[in-house]
Amino acid sequence: MKKANELVRVYSANTLLEGEAVKAYLTSQGIPVFLKYDTQSNIGGIAWGPLGGAQLLVPAEKAAEAAALIAQTEKKTAGQKED
């Protein structure tokens, strides 16, 4: 059982910039988001993947809503790439 103030990972971004963009979207939807990343691997913004990525964490009670919003956005984005 999740604690009320527990943070849950809902997304793993490949870059800090991608993480910031997803964070901005979720925040605009009323979901508090915390980014977890390794500052040393992001020097100069050139790190990618496991070394340069960011983890997006949200309160446990908002995790399902956040995951649904991310999935919905990814589905829309995938549809645009096919056109």
C-alpha atoms as a PDB file:
ATOM      1  CA  MET A   1       0.000   0.000   0.000  1.00  0.00           C
ATOM      2  CA  LYS A   2       1.332   3.415  -0.978  1.00  0.00           C
ATOM      3  CA  LYS A   3       1.826   6.114   1.647  1.00  0.00           C
ATOM      4  CA  ALA A   4      -0.072   9.375   1.170  1.00  0.00           C
ATOM      5  CA  ASN A   5       3.109  11.411   0.634  1.00  0.00           C
ATOM      6  CA  GLU A   6       5.016   8.772  -1.342  1.00  0.00           C
ATOM      7  CA  LEU A   7       6.412   9.755  -4.743  1.00  0.00           C
ATOM      8  CA  VAL A   8       5.972   7.387  -7.675  1.00  0.00           C
ATOM      9  CA  ARG A   9       7.913   7.365 -10.953  1.00  0.00           C
ATOM     10  CA  VAL A  10       5.533   7.849 -13.883  1.00  0.00           C
ATOM     11  CA  TYR A  11       7.957   8.620 -16.713  1.00  0.00           C
ATOM     12  CA  SER A  12      11.617   8.226 -17.655  1.00  0.00           C
ATOM     13  CA  ALA A  13      12.815  10.927 -20.028  1.00  0.00           C
ATOM     14  CA  ASN A  14      15.851  10.452 -22.271  1.00  0.00           C
ATOM     15  CA  THR A  15      17.108  13.980 -21.611  1.00  0.00           C
ATOM     16  CA  LEU A  16      16.644  16.629 -18.965  1.00  0.00           C
ATOM     17  CA  LEU A  17      15.019  18.876 -21.578  1.00  0.00           C
ATOM     18  CA  GLU A  18      12.421  16.205 -22.380  1.00  0.00           C
ATOM     19  CA  GLY A  19      11.824  15.743 -18.665  1.00  0.00           C
ATOM     20  CA  GLU A  20      11.271  19.467 -18.192  1.00  0.00           C
ATOM     21  CA  ALA A  21       8.776  19.520 -21.081  1.00  0.00           C
ATOM     22  CA  VAL A  22       6.735  16.632 -19.648  1.00  0.00           C
ATOM     23  CA  LYS A  23       6.929  18.223 -16.197  1.00  0.00           C
ATOM     24  CA  ALA A  24       5.563  21.497 -17.589  1.00  0.00           C
ATOM     25  CA  TYR A  25       2.661  19.674 -19.231  1.00  0.00           C
ATOM     26  CA  LEU A  26       1.715  17.713 -16.123  1.00  0.00           C
ATOM     27  CA  THR A  27       2.064  20.794 -13.932  1.00  0.00           C
ATOM     28  CA  SER A  28      -0.264  22.693 -16.270  1.00  0.00           C
ATOM     29  CA  GLN A  29      -2.798  19.906 -15.666  1.00  0.00           C
ATOM     30  CA  GLY A  30      -2.591  20.440 -11.895  1.00  0.00           C
ATOM     31  CA  ILE A  31      -0.223  17.575 -11.071  1.00  0.00           C
ATOM     32  CA  PRO A  32       2.817  18.363  -8.935  1.00  0.00           C
ATOM     33  CA  VAL A  33       5.949  16.859 -10.481  1.00  0.00           C
ATOM     34  CA  PHE A  34       9.456  16.378  -9.179  1.00  0.00           C
ATOM     35  CA  LEU A  35      12.425  15.692 -11.461  1.00  0.00           C
ATOM     36  CA  LYS A  36      15.178  13.352 -10.373  1.00  0.00           C
ATOM     37  CA  TYR A  37      18.366  13.448 -12.430  1.00  0.00           C
ATOM     38  CA  ASP A  38      22.116  13.195 -12.121  1.00  0.00           C
ATOM     39  CA  THR A  39      23.534  16.690 -12.538  1.00  0.00           C
ATOM     40  CA  GLN A  40      27.026  15.440 -13.409  1.00  0.00           C
ATOM     41  CA  SER A  41      25.817  13.449 -16.405  1.00  0.00           C
ATOM     42  CA  ASN A  42      23.923  16.443 -17.797  1.00  0.00           C
ATOM     43  CA  ILE A  43      26.847  18.847 -18.081  1.00  0.00           C
ATOM     44  CA  GLY A  44      26.527  20.708 -21.348  1.00  0.00           C
ATOM     45  CA  GLY A  45      23.218  19.040 -22.147  1.00  0.00           C
ATOM     46  CA  ILE A  46      24.847  16.322 -24.227  1.00  0.00           C
ATOM     47  CA  ALA A  47      24.081  13.282 -22.078  1.00  0.00           C
ATOM     48  CA  TRP A  48      21.401  10.878 -23.301  1.00  0.00           C
ATOM     49  CA  GLY A  49      19.582   7.798 -22.063  1.00  0.00           C
ATOM     50  CA  PRO A  50      20.482   6.196 -18.751  1.00  0.00           C
ATOM     51  CA  LEU A  51      23.356   8.608 -18.176  1.00  0.00           C
ATOM     52  CA  GLY A  52      21.509  11.811 -18.980  1.00  0.00           C
ATOM     53  CA  GLY A  53      17.880  11.065 -18.428  1.00  0.00           C
ATOM     54  CA  ALA A  54      15.430  12.306 -15.849  1.00  0.00           C
ATOM     55  CA  GLN A  55      12.849  10.490 -13.774  1.00  0.00           C
ATOM     56  CA  LEU A  56       9.487  12.196 -13.257  1.00  0.00           C
ATOM     57  CA  LEU A  57       7.978  11.566  -9.849  1.00  0.00           C
ATOM     58  CA  VAL A  58       4.467  12.474  -8.719  1.00  0.00           C
ATOM     59  CA  PRO A  59       2.512  11.924  -5.507  1.00  0.00           C
ATOM     60  CA  ALA A  60       1.128   8.371  -5.388  1.00  0.00           C
ATOM     61  CA  GLU A  61      -2.474   9.599  -5.437  1.00  0.00           C
ATOM     62  CA  LYS A  62      -1.808  11.419  -8.751  1.00  0.00           C
ATOM     63  CA  ALA A  63       0.161   8.629 -10.455  1.00  0.00           C
ATOM     64  CA  ALA A  64      -2.735   7.087 -12.401  1.00  0.00           C
ATOM     65  CA  GLU A  65      -3.897  10.484 -13.668  1.00  0.00           C
ATOM     66  CA  ALA A  66      -0.354  11.468 -14.685  1.00  0.00           C
ATOM     67  CA  ALA A  67       0.260   8.156 -16.477  1.00  0.00           C
ATOM     68  CA  ALA A  68      -3.024   8.515 -18.370  1.00  0.00           C
ATOM     69  CA  LEU A  69      -2.150  12.054 -19.503  1.00  0.00           C
ATOM     70  CA  ILE A  70       1.299  10.950 -20.664  1.00  0.00           C
ATOM     71  CA  ALA A  71      -0.133   7.960 -22.550  1.00  0.00           C
ATOM     72  CA  GLN A  72      -2.768  10.152 -24.190  1.00  0.00           C
ATOM     73  CA  THR A  73      -0.125  12.650 -25.305  1.00  0.00           C
ATOM     74  CA  GLU A  74       2.188   9.920 -26.624  1.00  0.00           C
ATOM     75  CA  LYS A  75      -0.696   8.422 -28.602  1.00  0.00           C
ATOM     76  CA  LYS A  76      -1.485  11.814 -30.186  1.00  0.00           C
ATOM     77  CA  THR A  77       2.200  12.401 -30.967  1.00  0.00           C
ATOM     78  CA  ALA A  78       2.554   8.945 -32.571  1.00  0.00           C
ATOM     79  CA  GLY A  79      -0.476   9.665 -34.751  1.00  0.00           C
ATOM     80  CA  GLN A  80       1.070  12.929 -35.957  1.00  0.00           C
ATOM     81  CA  LYS A  81       4.310  11.195 -36.941  1.00  0.00           C
ATOM     82  CA  GLU A  82       2.420   8.756 -39.155  1.00  0.00           C
ATOM     83  CA  ASP A  83       0.842  11.538 -41.233  1.00  0.00           C
END
